PDB file of all heavy atoms in Angstrom:
ATOM      1  N   ALA A   1       0.785  -1.236  -0.102  1.00  0.00           N
ATOM      2  CA  ALA A   1       0.018  -0.002   0.008  1.00  0.00           C
ATOM      3  C   ALA A   1       0.867   1.190   0.022  1.00  0.00           C
ATOM      4  O   ALA A   1       0.588   2.229  -0.737  1.00  0.00           O
ATOM      5  CB  ALA A   1      -0.967   0.049   1.176  1.00  0.00           C
ATOM      6  N   ILE A   2       1.906   1.358   0.743  1.00  0.00           N
ATOM      7  CA  ILE A   2       2.775   2.448   0.935  1.00  0.00           C
ATOM      8  C   ILE A   2       3.515   2.681  -0.467  1.00  0.00           C
ATOM      9  O   ILE A   2       3.601   3.773  -0.938  1.00  0.00           O
ATOM     10  CB  ILE A   2       3.732   2.388   2.145  1.00  0.00           C
ATOM     11  CG1 ILE A   2       2.968   2.402   3.387  1.00  0.00           C
ATOM     12  CG2 ILE A   2       4.742   3.507   1.987  1.00  0.00           C
ATOM     13  CD1 ILE A   2       3.830   1.950   4.585  1.00  0.00           C
ATOM     14  N   GLU A   3       4.148   1.576  -0.900  1.00  0.00           N
ATOM     15  CA  GLU A   3       4.881   1.721  -2.264  1.00  0.00           C
ATOM     16  C   GLU A   3       4.022   2.088  -3.342  1.00  0.00           C
ATOM     17  O   GLU A   3       4.378   2.643  -4.292  1.00  0.00           O
ATOM     18  CB  GLU A   3       5.778   0.482  -2.435  1.00  0.00           C
ATOM     19  CG  GLU A   3       6.919   0.337  -1.431  1.00  0.00           C
ATOM     20  CD  GLU A   3       7.801  -0.911  -1.564  1.00  0.00           C
ATOM     21  OE1 GLU A   3       7.359  -1.783  -2.284  1.00  0.00           O
ATOM     22  OE2 GLU A   3       8.751  -0.880  -0.937  1.00  0.00           O
ATOM     23  N   GLU A   4       2.779   1.551  -3.386  1.00  0.00           N
ATOM     24  CA  GLU A   4       1.890   1.873  -4.403  1.00  0.00           C
ATOM     25  C   GLU A   4       1.476   3.274  -4.268  1.00  0.00           C
ATOM     26  O   GLU A   4       1.237   4.015  -5.292  1.00  0.00           O
ATOM     27  CB  GLU A   4       0.505   1.008  -4.251  1.00  0.00           C
ATOM     28  CG  GLU A   4      -0.462   1.166  -5.391  1.00  0.00           C
ATOM     29  CD  GLU A   4      -1.613   0.254  -5.336  1.00  0.00           C
ATOM     30  OE1 GLU A   4      -2.352   0.327  -4.195  1.00  0.00           O
ATOM     31  OE2 GLU A   4      -1.693  -0.712  -6.072  1.00  0.00           O
ATOM     32  N   ARG A   5       1.255   3.807  -3.031  1.00  0.00           N
ATOM     33  CA  ARG A   5       0.960   5.163  -2.852  1.00  0.00           C
ATOM     34  C   ARG A   5       2.109   6.186  -3.338  1.00  0.00           C
ATOM     35  O   ARG A   5       1.743   7.182  -3.946  1.00  0.00           O
ATOM     36  CB  ARG A   5       0.694   5.509  -1.360  1.00  0.00           C
ATOM     37  CG  ARG A   5       0.255   6.985  -0.981  1.00  0.00           C
ATOM     38  CD  ARG A   5      -0.939   7.521  -1.624  1.00  0.00           C
ATOM     39  NE  ARG A   5      -2.088   6.737  -1.395  1.00  0.00           N
ATOM     40  CZ  ARG A   5      -3.119   6.890  -0.696  1.00  0.00           C
ATOM     41  NH1 ARG A   5      -3.278   8.063   0.126  1.00  0.00           N
ATOM     42  NH2 ARG A   5      -4.279   6.071  -0.670  1.00  0.00           N
ATOM     43  N   ASN A   6       3.295   5.765  -3.129  1.00  0.00           N
ATOM     44  CA  ASN A   6       4.374   6.563  -3.727  1.00  0.00           C
ATOM     45  C   ASN A   6       5.518   5.638  -4.145  1.00  0.00           C
ATOM     46  O   ASN A   6       6.305   5.113  -3.334  1.00  0.00           O
ATOM     47  CB  ASN A   6       4.968   7.476  -2.678  1.00  0.00           C
ATOM     48  CG  ASN A   6       6.055   8.366  -3.198  1.00  0.00           C
ATOM     49  OD1 ASN A   6       6.747   8.058  -4.116  1.00  0.00           O
ATOM     50  ND2 ASN A   6       6.154   9.514  -2.673  1.00  0.00           N
ATOM     51  N   PRO A   7       5.602   5.295  -5.407  1.00  0.00           N
ATOM     52  CA  PRO A   7       6.589   4.332  -5.845  1.00  0.00           C
ATOM     53  C   PRO A   7       8.106   4.786  -5.708  1.00  0.00           C
ATOM     54  O   PRO A   7       8.884   3.908  -5.879  1.00  0.00           O
ATOM     55  CB  PRO A   7       6.238   4.295  -7.394  1.00  0.00           C
ATOM     56  CG  PRO A   7       4.866   4.813  -7.553  1.00  0.00           C
ATOM     57  CD  PRO A   7       4.695   5.752  -6.464  1.00  0.00           C
ATOM     58  N   ARG A   8       8.232   5.913  -5.318  1.00  0.00           N
ATOM     59  CA  ARG A   8       9.688   6.399  -5.005  1.00  0.00           C
ATOM     60  C   ARG A   8      10.115   5.922  -3.753  1.00  0.00           C
ATOM     61  O   ARG A   8      11.295   6.082  -3.378  1.00  0.00           O
ATOM     62  CB  ARG A   8       9.809   7.958  -5.183  1.00  0.00           C
ATOM     63  CG  ARG A   8       9.673   8.350  -6.709  1.00  0.00           C
ATOM     64  CD  ARG A   8       9.711   9.846  -6.795  1.00  0.00           C
ATOM     65  NE  ARG A   8       8.652  10.608  -6.167  1.00  0.00           N
ATOM     66  CZ  ARG A   8       7.330  10.622  -6.692  1.00  0.00           C
ATOM     67  NH1 ARG A   8       7.027  10.182  -7.768  1.00  0.00           N
ATOM     68  NH2 ARG A   8       6.461  11.311  -6.000  1.00  0.00           N
ATOM     69  N   LEU A   9       9.233   5.405  -2.812  1.00  0.00           N
ATOM     70  CA  LEU A   9       9.528   4.977  -1.577  1.00  0.00           C
ATOM     71  C   LEU A   9       9.946   3.464  -1.586  1.00  0.00           C
ATOM     72  O   LEU A   9       9.424   2.738  -2.421  1.00  0.00           O
ATOM     73  CB  LEU A   9       8.369   5.177  -0.524  1.00  0.00           C
ATOM     74  CG  LEU A   9       7.992   6.662  -0.352  1.00  0.00           C
ATOM     75  CD1 LEU A   9       6.724   6.607   0.582  1.00  0.00           C
ATOM     76  CD2 LEU A   9       9.040   7.609   0.226  1.00  0.00           C
ATOM     77  N   HIS A  10      10.768   3.040  -0.593  1.00  0.00           N
ATOM     78  CA  HIS A  10      11.063   1.785  -0.456  1.00  0.00           C
ATOM     79  C   HIS A  10      10.813   1.422   1.024  1.00  0.00           C
ATOM     80  O   HIS A  10      11.234   2.077   1.907  1.00  0.00           O
ATOM     81  CB  HIS A  10      12.549   1.367  -0.809  1.00  0.00           C
ATOM     82  CG  HIS A  10      13.029  -0.044  -0.497  1.00  0.00           C
ATOM     83  ND1 HIS A  10      12.615  -1.054  -1.343  1.00  0.00           N
ATOM     84  CD2 HIS A  10      13.516  -0.441   0.530  1.00  0.00           C
ATOM     85  CE1 HIS A  10      13.093  -2.191  -0.837  1.00  0.00           C
ATOM     86  NE2 HIS A  10      13.699  -1.886   0.382  1.00  0.00           N
ATOM     87  N   VAL A  11      10.091   0.278   1.276  1.00  0.00           N
ATOM     88  CA  VAL A  11       9.723  -0.087   2.597  1.00  0.00           C
ATOM     89  C   VAL A  11      10.226  -1.491   2.999  1.00  0.00           C
ATOM     90  O   VAL A  11      10.044  -2.371   2.281  1.00  0.00           O
ATOM     91  CB  VAL A  11       8.225  -0.039   2.781  1.00  0.00           C
ATOM     92  CG1 VAL A  11       7.810  -0.254   4.270  1.00  0.00           C
ATOM     93  CG2 VAL A  11       7.650   1.264   2.316  1.00  0.00           C
ATOM     94  N   ASP A  12      10.859  -1.556   4.201  1.00  0.00           N
ATOM     95  CA  ASP A  12      11.420  -2.854   4.679  1.00  0.00           C
ATOM     96  C   ASP A  12      10.716  -3.147   6.013  1.00  0.00           C
ATOM     97  O   ASP A  12      10.438  -2.292   6.790  1.00  0.00           O
ATOM     98  CB  ASP A  12      12.839  -2.750   5.013  1.00  0.00           C
ATOM     99  CG  ASP A  12      13.761  -2.720   3.742  1.00  0.00           C
ATOM    100  OD1 ASP A  12      13.761  -3.611   3.004  1.00  0.00           O
ATOM    101  OD2 ASP A  12      14.383  -1.699   3.594  1.00  0.00           O
ATOM    102  N   HIS A  13      10.281  -4.430   6.141  1.00  0.00           N
ATOM    103  CA  HIS A  13       9.824  -4.864   7.413  1.00  0.00           C
ATOM    104  C   HIS A  13      10.991  -5.158   8.408  1.00  0.00           C
ATOM    105  O   HIS A  13      11.811  -5.950   7.918  1.00  0.00           O
ATOM    106  CB  HIS A  13       8.862  -6.106   7.220  1.00  0.00           C
ATOM    107  CG  HIS A  13       8.244  -6.666   8.397  1.00  0.00           C
ATOM    108  ND1 HIS A  13       7.640  -7.915   8.446  1.00  0.00           N
ATOM    109  CD2 HIS A  13       8.028  -6.142   9.605  1.00  0.00           C
ATOM    110  CE1 HIS A  13       7.157  -8.150   9.609  1.00  0.00           C
ATOM    111  NE2 HIS A  13       7.294  -7.113  10.328  1.00  0.00           N
ATOM    112  N   ILE A  14      11.036  -4.479   9.521  1.00  0.00           N
ATOM    113  CA  ILE A  14      12.170  -4.769  10.355  1.00  0.00           C
ATOM    114  C   ILE A  14      11.631  -5.177  11.740  1.00  0.00           C
ATOM    115  O   ILE A  14      10.386  -5.234  11.984  1.00  0.00           O
ATOM    116  CB  ILE A  14      12.962  -3.447  10.438  1.00  0.00           C
ATOM    117  CG1 ILE A  14      12.104  -2.260  10.886  1.00  0.00           C
ATOM    118  CG2 ILE A  14      13.686  -3.142   9.155  1.00  0.00           C
ATOM    119  CD1 ILE A  14      12.776  -0.904  11.121  1.00  0.00           C
ATOM    120  N   GLY A  15      12.523  -5.243  12.671  1.00  0.00           N
ATOM    121  CA  GLY A  15      12.167  -5.595  14.042  1.00  0.00           C
ATOM    122  C   GLY A  15      11.725  -7.042  14.227  1.00  0.00           C
ATOM    123  O   GLY A  15      11.832  -7.893  13.310  1.00  0.00           O
ATOM    124  N   SER A  16      11.422  -7.297  15.467  1.00  0.00           N
ATOM    125  CA  SER A  16      11.198  -8.892  15.873  1.00  0.00           C
ATOM    126  C   SER A  16      10.085  -9.493  14.990  1.00  0.00           C
ATOM    127  O   SER A  16      10.171 -10.650  14.617  1.00  0.00           O
ATOM    128  CB  SER A  16      10.956  -8.975  17.324  1.00  0.00           C
ATOM    129  OG  SER A  16       9.844  -8.203  17.762  1.00  0.00           O
ATOM    130  N   THR A  17       9.001  -8.705  14.648  1.00  0.00           N
ATOM    131  CA  THR A  17       7.889  -9.350  13.806  1.00  0.00           C
ATOM    132  C   THR A  17       8.427  -9.711  12.442  1.00  0.00           C
ATOM    133  O   THR A  17       7.618 -10.513  11.823  1.00  0.00           O
ATOM    134  CB  THR A  17       6.721  -8.438  13.752  1.00  0.00           C
ATOM    135  OG1 THR A  17       7.032  -7.137  13.096  1.00  0.00           O
ATOM    136  CG2 THR A  17       6.134  -8.278  15.185  1.00  0.00           C
ATOM    137  N   SER A  18       9.496  -9.265  11.902  1.00  0.00           N
ATOM    138  CA  SER A  18      10.007  -9.592  10.741  1.00  0.00           C
ATOM    139  C   SER A  18      11.018 -10.856  10.688  1.00  0.00           C
ATOM    140  O   SER A  18      11.540 -11.243   9.681  1.00  0.00           O
ATOM    141  CB  SER A  18      10.734  -8.452  10.106  1.00  0.00           C
ATOM    142  OG  SER A  18      12.035  -8.210  10.749  1.00  0.00           O
ATOM    143  N   VAL A  19      11.284 -11.285  11.903  1.00  0.00           N
ATOM    144  CA  VAL A  19      12.183 -12.517  11.999  1.00  0.00           C
ATOM    145  C   VAL A  19      11.487 -13.690  12.516  1.00  0.00           C
ATOM    146  O   VAL A  19      10.906 -13.727  13.579  1.00  0.00           O
ATOM    147  CB  VAL A  19      13.300 -12.050  13.116  1.00  0.00           C
ATOM    148  CG1 VAL A  19      14.243 -13.210  13.280  1.00  0.00           C
ATOM    149  CG2 VAL A  19      14.041 -10.894  12.815  1.00  0.00           C
ATOM    150  N   PRO A  20      11.333 -14.731  11.472  1.00  0.00           N
ATOM    151  CA  PRO A  20      10.612 -15.945  11.926  1.00  0.00           C
ATOM    152  C   PRO A  20      11.168 -16.565  13.259  1.00  0.00           C
ATOM    153  O   PRO A  20      12.320 -16.586  13.478  1.00  0.00           O
ATOM    154  CB  PRO A  20      10.949 -16.890  10.744  1.00  0.00           C
ATOM    155  CG  PRO A  20      11.185 -15.920   9.631  1.00  0.00           C
ATOM    156  CD  PRO A  20      11.882 -14.740  10.191  1.00  0.00           C
ATOM    157  N   GLU A  21      10.161 -16.852  14.048  1.00  0.00           N
ATOM    158  CA  GLU A  21      10.385 -17.539  15.364  1.00  0.00           C
ATOM    159  C   GLU A  21      10.925 -16.553  16.391  1.00  0.00           C
ATOM    160  O   GLU A  21      11.206 -17.041  17.483  1.00  0.00           O
ATOM    161  CB  GLU A  21      11.224 -18.776  15.287  1.00  0.00           C
ATOM    162  CG  GLU A  21      10.717 -19.799  14.229  1.00  0.00           C
ATOM    163  CD  GLU A  21       9.229 -20.198  14.469  1.00  0.00           C
ATOM    164  OE1 GLU A  21       8.858 -20.354  15.615  1.00  0.00           O
ATOM    165  OE2 GLU A  21       8.476 -20.283  13.615  1.00  0.00           O
ATOM    166  N   CYS A  22      10.997 -15.331  16.201  1.00  0.00           N
ATOM    167  CA  CYS A  22      11.471 -14.410  17.127  1.00  0.00           C
ATOM    168  C   CYS A  22      10.370 -13.799  17.985  1.00  0.00           C
ATOM    169  O   CYS A  22       9.346 -13.331  17.470  1.00  0.00           O
ATOM    170  CB  CYS A  22      12.295 -13.195  16.486  1.00  0.00           C
ATOM    171  SG  CYS A  22      13.051 -12.163  17.693  1.00  0.00           S
ATOM    172  N   ARG A  23      10.539 -13.942  19.283  1.00  0.00           N
ATOM    173  CA  ARG A  23       9.500 -13.393  20.266  1.00  0.00           C
ATOM    174  C   ARG A  23       9.864 -11.944  20.398  1.00  0.00           C
ATOM    175  O   ARG A  23      10.981 -11.530  20.410  1.00  0.00           O
ATOM    176  CB  ARG A  23       9.502 -14.205  21.441  1.00  0.00           C
ATOM    177  CG  ARG A  23       9.133 -15.565  21.299  1.00  0.00           C
ATOM    178  CD  ARG A  23       9.268 -16.427  22.504  1.00  0.00           C
ATOM    179  NE  ARG A  23      10.629 -16.516  22.932  1.00  0.00           N
ATOM    180  CZ  ARG A  23      11.191 -16.510  24.128  1.00  0.00           C
ATOM    181  NH1 ARG A  23      10.409 -16.573  25.185  1.00  0.00           N
ATOM    182  NH2 ARG A  23      12.541 -16.498  24.298  1.00  0.00           N
ATOM    183  N   GLY A  24       8.865 -11.147  20.685  1.00  0.00           N
ATOM    184  CA  GLY A  24       9.054  -9.727  20.875  1.00  0.00           C
ATOM    185  C   GLY A  24       7.893  -9.040  21.312  1.00  0.00           C
ATOM    186  O   GLY A  24       6.832  -9.588  21.730  1.00  0.00           O
ATOM    187  N   LYS A  25       7.819  -7.736  21.095  1.00  0.00           N
ATOM    188  CA  LYS A  25       6.783  -6.788  21.609  1.00  0.00           C
ATOM    189  C   LYS A  25       5.524  -6.931  20.774  1.00  0.00           C
ATOM    190  O   LYS A  25       4.417  -6.539  21.284  1.00  0.00           O
ATOM    191  CB  LYS A  25       7.335  -5.319  21.650  1.00  0.00           C
ATOM    192  CG  LYS A  25       6.615  -4.442  22.435  1.00  0.00           C
ATOM    193  CD  LYS A  25       7.264  -3.057  22.733  1.00  0.00           C
ATOM    194  CE  LYS A  25       7.475  -2.339  21.370  1.00  0.00           C
ATOM    195  NZ  LYS A  25       7.921  -1.007  21.555  1.00  0.00           N
ATOM    196  N   GLY A  26       5.585  -7.411  19.630  1.00  0.00           N
ATOM    197  CA  GLY A  26       4.419  -7.531  18.764  1.00  0.00           C
ATOM    198  C   GLY A  26       3.972  -6.328  18.069  1.00  0.00           C
ATOM    199  O   GLY A  26       2.772  -6.112  17.820  1.00  0.00           O
ATOM    200  N   VAL A  27       4.950  -5.434  17.736  1.00  0.00           N
ATOM    201  CA  VAL A  27       4.681  -4.195  17.001  1.00  0.00           C
ATOM    202  C   VAL A  27       5.243  -4.420  15.603  1.00  0.00           C
ATOM    203  O   VAL A  27       6.384  -4.805  15.486  1.00  0.00           O
ATOM    204  CB  VAL A  27       5.174  -2.947  17.681  1.00  0.00           C
ATOM    205  CG1 VAL A  27       5.123  -1.727  16.774  1.00  0.00           C
ATOM    206  CG2 VAL A  27       4.449  -2.733  18.974  1.00  0.00           C
ATOM    207  N   ILE A  28       4.577  -4.167  14.594  1.00  0.00           N
ATOM    208  CA  ILE A  28       5.019  -4.123  13.296  1.00  0.00           C
ATOM    209  C   ILE A  28       5.843  -2.919  12.917  1.00  0.00           C
ATOM    210  O   ILE A  28       5.335  -1.769  13.035  1.00  0.00           O
ATOM    211  CB  ILE A  28       3.986  -4.290  12.206  1.00  0.00           C
ATOM    212  CG1 ILE A  28       3.179  -5.504  12.336  1.00  0.00           C
ATOM    213  CG2 ILE A  28       4.532  -4.126  10.825  1.00  0.00           C
ATOM    214  CD1 ILE A  28       2.003  -5.712  11.452  1.00  0.00           C
ATOM    215  N   ASP A  29       7.200  -3.073  12.895  1.00  0.00           N
ATOM    216  CA  ASP A  29       8.073  -2.019  12.564  1.00  0.00           C
ATOM    217  C   ASP A  29       8.377  -1.950  11.173  1.00  0.00           C
ATOM    218  O   ASP A  29       8.785  -2.981  10.508  1.00  0.00           O
ATOM    219  CB  ASP A  29       9.374  -2.018  13.315  1.00  0.00           C
ATOM    220  CG  ASP A  29       9.160  -1.620  14.727  1.00  0.00           C
ATOM    221  OD1 ASP A  29       8.906  -0.460  15.035  1.00  0.00           O
ATOM    222  OD2 ASP A  29       9.364  -2.450  15.747  1.00  0.00           O
ATOM    223  N   LEU A  30       8.259  -0.800  10.484  1.00  0.00           N
ATOM    224  CA  LEU A  30       8.630  -0.582   9.114  1.00  0.00           C
ATOM    225  C   LEU A  30       9.670   0.557   8.953  1.00  0.00           C
ATOM    226  O   LEU A  30       9.576   1.476   9.624  1.00  0.00           O
ATOM    227  CB  LEU A  30       7.346  -0.195   8.326  1.00  0.00           C
ATOM    228  CG  LEU A  30       6.185  -1.119   8.249  1.00  0.00           C
ATOM    229  CD1 LEU A  30       5.064  -0.511   7.554  1.00  0.00           C
ATOM    230  CD2 LEU A  30       6.570  -2.518   7.663  1.00  0.00           C
ATOM    231  N   ALA A  31      10.620   0.251   8.025  1.00  0.00           N
ATOM    232  CA  ALA A  31      11.478   1.316   7.641  1.00  0.00           C
ATOM    233  C   ALA A  31      11.007   1.816   6.317  1.00  0.00           C
ATOM    234  O   ALA A  31      11.132   1.141   5.298  1.00  0.00           O
ATOM    235  CB  ALA A  31      13.035   0.835   7.565  1.00  0.00           C
ATOM    236  N   VAL A  32      10.428   3.061   6.352  1.00  0.00           N
ATOM    237  CA  VAL A  32       9.994   3.645   5.055  1.00  0.00           C
ATOM    238  C   VAL A  32      11.029   4.581   4.630  1.00  0.00           C
ATOM    239  O   VAL A  32      11.286   5.588   5.303  1.00  0.00           O
ATOM    240  CB  VAL A  32       8.742   4.568   5.448  1.00  0.00           C
ATOM    241  CG1 VAL A  32       8.144   5.149   4.150  1.00  0.00           C
ATOM    242  CG2 VAL A  32       7.613   3.558   6.027  1.00  0.00           C
ATOM    243  N   THR A  33      11.717   4.234   3.600  1.00  0.00           N
ATOM    244  CA  THR A  33      12.915   4.964   3.119  1.00  0.00           C
ATOM    245  C   THR A  33      12.654   5.861   1.795  1.00  0.00           C
ATOM    246  O   THR A  33      11.905   5.346   0.960  1.00  0.00           O
ATOM    247  CB  THR A  33      14.021   4.060   2.832  1.00  0.00           C
ATOM    248  OG1 THR A  33      13.720   3.066   1.814  1.00  0.00           O
ATOM    249  CG2 THR A  33      14.404   3.298   4.161  1.00  0.00           C
ATOM    250  N   TYR A  34      13.295   6.902   1.836  1.00  0.00           N
ATOM    251  CA  TYR A  34      13.183   7.890   0.672  1.00  0.00           C
ATOM    252  C   TYR A  34      14.571   8.254   0.234  1.00  0.00           C
ATOM    253  O   TYR A  34      15.550   8.160   0.940  1.00  0.00           O
ATOM    254  CB  TYR A  34      12.425   9.119   1.274  1.00  0.00           C
ATOM    255  CG  TYR A  34      13.057   9.804   2.457  1.00  0.00           C
ATOM    256  CD1 TYR A  34      14.008  10.821   2.142  1.00  0.00           C
ATOM    257  CD2 TYR A  34      12.831   9.432   3.636  1.00  0.00           C
ATOM    258  CE1 TYR A  34      14.676  11.498   3.230  1.00  0.00           C
ATOM    259  CE2 TYR A  34      13.434  10.070   4.765  1.00  0.00           C
ATOM    260  CZ  TYR A  34      14.394  11.081   4.497  1.00  0.00           C
ATOM    261  OH  TYR A  34      14.946  11.740   5.525  1.00  0.00           O
ATOM    262  N   ARG A  35      14.552   8.707  -0.988  1.00  0.00           N
ATOM    263  CA  ARG A  35      15.860   9.127  -1.562  1.00  0.00           C
ATOM    264  C   ARG A  35      16.018  10.679  -1.186  1.00  0.00           C
ATOM    265  O   ARG A  35      15.098  11.354  -0.748  1.00  0.00           O
ATOM    266  CB  ARG A  35      15.740   9.079  -3.085  1.00  0.00           C
ATOM    267  CG  ARG A  35      15.551   7.531  -3.380  1.00  0.00           C
ATOM    268  CD  ARG A  35      16.534   7.001  -4.401  1.00  0.00           C
ATOM    269  NE  ARG A  35      16.230   5.654  -4.782  1.00  0.00           N
ATOM    270  CZ  ARG A  35      17.130   4.696  -4.560  1.00  0.00           C
ATOM    271  NH1 ARG A  35      18.297   4.850  -4.052  1.00  0.00           N
ATOM    272  NH2 ARG A  35      16.770   3.430  -4.899  1.00  0.00           N
ATOM    273  N   ALA A  36      17.152  11.213  -1.618  1.00  0.00           N
ATOM    274  CA  ALA A  36      17.541  12.702  -1.201  1.00  0.00           C
ATOM    275  C   ALA A  36      16.401  13.574  -1.618  1.00  0.00           C
ATOM    276  O   ALA A  36      15.829  13.461  -2.721  1.00  0.00           O
ATOM    277  CB  ALA A  36      18.839  13.037  -1.857  1.00  0.00           C
ATOM    278  N   GLY A  37      16.011  14.414  -0.665  1.00  0.00           N
ATOM    279  CA  GLY A  37      14.876  15.374  -0.904  1.00  0.00           C
ATOM    280  C   GLY A  37      13.512  14.945  -0.801  1.00  0.00           C
ATOM    281  O   GLY A  37      12.614  15.599  -1.044  1.00  0.00           O
TER     282      GLY A  37
END
């Protein structure tokens, strides 16, 4: 949804919910990255 809204963005799923079998806080963390400017 985010990359479709703005194809110039790149999004990575990070944090414990992105690691199979990793226990954690249960919050979906995303790194929404942008190019210069």
